[in-house]
Every structure is written in C-alpha cells, then in structure tokens.
Amino acid sequence: MQNQNPMIADFVKLMNGAAGTFAGMTREARENARERMKEAMGGMDFVSREEFETVKAMAAKAREENEELAERLTALESRLSK
C-alpha cells in the first residue's frame, strides 16, 4: 500500500470542495437568470402558440371570404353594366 501524504489529501479535499461550490454557484446563477427572464418576459403581452394559430386560421378564412365576395361583386357589377 501507498502512504498518502496528508498535504496532498488536504489539497484534494479542497479542490473537491471548490468544484462542488463552483457547480452550485453555476446552478444558482442559471436559476437566477432564468427567473429574471421570466419576470422580464411576464410584463410583455405575448400570445400563446395556440392563440396565434387560432387567429391565423381566422385571418385565412376572412381572406377567403373576402375573395369570394370580391368575385360576387365583380359578377354583379358586370350584370348591371349590361
């Protein structure tokens, strides 16, 4: 067996503690940044994807109806001009 040098063992313990502390600080910083982004974004008026898709479908339907009405109007105007 090898004898361990107490100074090396203490250094290894110190480095392990520092690595754990650094990992904890990194995790905490990430969580704080995420929370700040949520707070910043929460004040803005964003819509959900579902709401966006619903309004998009409504706009497409209105556009189609508008085109149909324009065709009907053109047909009526052509009948009146005859």
C-alpha atoms as a PDB file:
ATOM      1  CA  MET A   1       0.000   0.000   0.000  1.00  0.00           C
ATOM      2  CA  GLN A   2       0.968   3.538  -0.593  1.00  0.00           C
ATOM      3  CA  ASN A   3       1.082   6.036   2.183  1.00  0.00           C
ATOM      4  CA  GLN A   4      -0.888   9.173   1.427  1.00  0.00           C
ATOM      5  CA  ASN A   5       0.684  12.493   2.015  1.00  0.00           C
ATOM      6  CA  PRO A   6      -1.680  14.489   4.300  1.00  0.00           C
ATOM      7  CA  MET A   7      -0.881  17.652   2.414  1.00  0.00           C
ATOM      8  CA  ILE A   8      -1.972  16.104  -0.899  1.00  0.00           C
ATOM      9  CA  ALA A   9      -5.084  14.662   0.725  1.00  0.00           C
ATOM     10  CA  ASP A  10      -5.987  18.093   2.105  1.00  0.00           C
ATOM     11  CA  PHE A  11      -5.374  19.663  -1.310  1.00  0.00           C
ATOM     12  CA  VAL A  12      -7.637  17.074  -2.980  1.00  0.00           C
ATOM     13  CA  LYS A  13     -10.362  17.760  -0.396  1.00  0.00           C
ATOM     14  CA  LEU A  14     -10.007  21.489  -1.017  1.00  0.00           C
ATOM     15  CA  MET A  15     -10.282  21.034  -4.777  1.00  0.00           C
ATOM     16  CA  ASN A  16     -13.331  18.770  -4.424  1.00  0.00           C
ATOM     17  CA  GLY A  17     -14.989  21.333  -2.191  1.00  0.00           C
ATOM     18  CA  ALA A  18     -14.165  24.120  -4.634  1.00  0.00           C
ATOM     19  CA  ALA A  19     -15.580  22.105  -7.548  1.00  0.00           C
ATOM     20  CA  GLY A  20     -18.794  21.465  -5.616  1.00  0.00           C
ATOM     21  CA  THR A  21     -19.073  25.118  -4.677  1.00  0.00           C
ATOM     22  CA  PHE A  22     -18.469  26.195  -8.278  1.00  0.00           C
ATOM     23  CA  ALA A  23     -21.115  23.761  -9.547  1.00  0.00           C
ATOM     24  CA  GLY A  24     -23.592  25.105  -7.002  1.00  0.00           C
ATOM     25  CA  MET A  25     -22.810  28.699  -7.947  1.00  0.00           C
ATOM     26  CA  THR A  26     -23.272  27.870 -11.625  1.00  0.00           C
ATOM     27  CA  ARG A  27     -26.621  26.206 -10.967  1.00  0.00           C
ATOM     28  CA  GLU A  28     -27.775  29.132  -8.810  1.00  0.00           C
ATOM     29  CA  ALA A  29     -26.683  31.700 -11.409  1.00  0.00           C
ATOM     30  CA  ARG A  30     -28.558  29.793 -14.131  1.00  0.00           C
ATOM     31  CA  GLU A  31     -31.715  29.671 -11.999  1.00  0.00           C
ATOM     32  CA  ASN A  32     -31.457  33.380 -11.182  1.00  0.00           C
ATOM     33  CA  ALA A  33     -31.014  34.268 -14.858  1.00  0.00           C
ATOM     34  CA  ARG A  34     -33.995  32.093 -15.803  1.00  0.00           C
ATOM     35  CA  GLU A  35     -36.129  33.748 -13.104  1.00  0.00           C
ATOM     36  CA  ARG A  36     -35.128  37.239 -14.243  1.00  0.00           C
ATOM     37  CA  MET A  37     -36.034  36.372 -17.835  1.00  0.00           C
ATOM     38  CA  LYS A  38     -39.438  35.091 -16.704  1.00  0.00           C
ATOM     39  CA  GLU A  39     -40.032  38.331 -14.812  1.00  0.00           C
ATOM     40  CA  ALA A  40     -38.940  40.456 -17.778  1.00  0.00           C
ATOM     41  CA  MET A  41     -40.987  38.475 -20.284  1.00  0.00           C
ATOM     42  CA  GLY A  42     -44.006  38.314 -17.969  1.00  0.00           C
ATOM     43  CA  GLY A  43     -44.630  42.038 -18.312  1.00  0.00           C
ATOM     44  CA  MET A  44     -44.879  41.798 -22.085  1.00  0.00           C
ATOM     45  CA  ASP A  45     -48.071  40.934 -23.899  1.00  0.00           C
ATOM     46  CA  PHE A  46     -47.164  37.737 -25.697  1.00  0.00           C
ATOM     47  CA  VAL A  47     -49.736  35.322 -27.043  1.00  0.00           C
ATOM     48  CA  SER A  48     -49.552  31.572 -26.804  1.00  0.00           C
ATOM     49  CA  ARG A  49     -48.900  29.459 -29.867  1.00  0.00           C
ATOM     50  CA  GLU A  50     -52.461  28.150 -29.710  1.00  0.00           C
ATOM     51  CA  GLU A  51     -53.910  31.671 -29.719  1.00  0.00           C
ATOM     52  CA  PHE A  52     -51.648  32.650 -32.611  1.00  0.00           C
ATOM     53  CA  GLU A  53     -52.692  29.648 -34.684  1.00  0.00           C
ATOM     54  CA  THR A  54     -56.385  30.356 -33.973  1.00  0.00           C
ATOM     55  CA  VAL A  55     -56.113  33.981 -35.109  1.00  0.00           C
ATOM     56  CA  LYS A  56     -54.062  32.912 -38.129  1.00  0.00           C
ATOM     57  CA  ALA A  57     -56.816  30.482 -39.167  1.00  0.00           C
ATOM     58  CA  MET A  58     -59.454  33.176 -38.641  1.00  0.00           C
ATOM     59  CA  ALA A  59     -57.498  35.588 -40.848  1.00  0.00           C
ATOM     60  CA  ALA A  60     -57.126  32.964 -43.596  1.00  0.00           C
ATOM     61  CA  LYS A  61     -60.882  32.279 -43.516  1.00  0.00           C
ATOM     62  CA  ALA A  62     -61.662  36.012 -43.643  1.00  0.00           C
ATOM     63  CA  ARG A  63     -59.293  36.398 -46.595  1.00  0.00           C
ATOM     64  CA  GLU A  64     -61.042  33.571 -48.467  1.00  0.00           C
ATOM     65  CA  GLU A  65     -64.467  35.070 -47.740  1.00  0.00           C
ATOM     66  CA  ASN A  66     -63.206  38.452 -48.909  1.00  0.00           C
ATOM     67  CA  GLU A  67     -62.001  36.955 -52.195  1.00  0.00           C
ATOM     68  CA  GLU A  68     -65.362  35.207 -52.710  1.00  0.00           C
ATOM     69  CA  LEU A  69     -67.253  38.425 -52.025  1.00  0.00           C
ATOM     70  CA  ALA A  70     -64.990  40.332 -54.424  1.00  0.00           C
ATOM     71  CA  GLU A  71     -65.774  37.768 -57.138  1.00  0.00           C
ATOM     72  CA  ARG A  72     -69.517  38.051 -56.447  1.00  0.00           C
ATOM     73  CA  LEU A  73     -69.308  41.841 -56.546  1.00  0.00           C
ATOM     74  CA  THR A  74     -67.456  41.735 -59.847  1.00  0.00           C
ATOM     75  CA  ALA A  75     -70.113  39.402 -61.268  1.00  0.00           C
ATOM     76  CA  LEU A  76     -72.965  41.660 -60.062  1.00  0.00           C
ATOM     77  CA  GLU A  77     -71.294  44.754 -61.426  1.00  0.00           C
ATOM     78  CA  SER A  78     -70.807  43.087 -64.800  1.00  0.00           C
ATOM     79  CA  ARG A  79     -74.518  42.129 -64.857  1.00  0.00           C
ATOM     80  CA  LEU A  80     -75.556  45.679 -64.013  1.00  0.00           C
ATOM     81  CA  SER A  81     -73.380  47.201 -66.703  1.00  0.00           C
ATOM     82  CA  LYS A  82     -75.051  45.051 -69.417  1.00  0.00           C
END
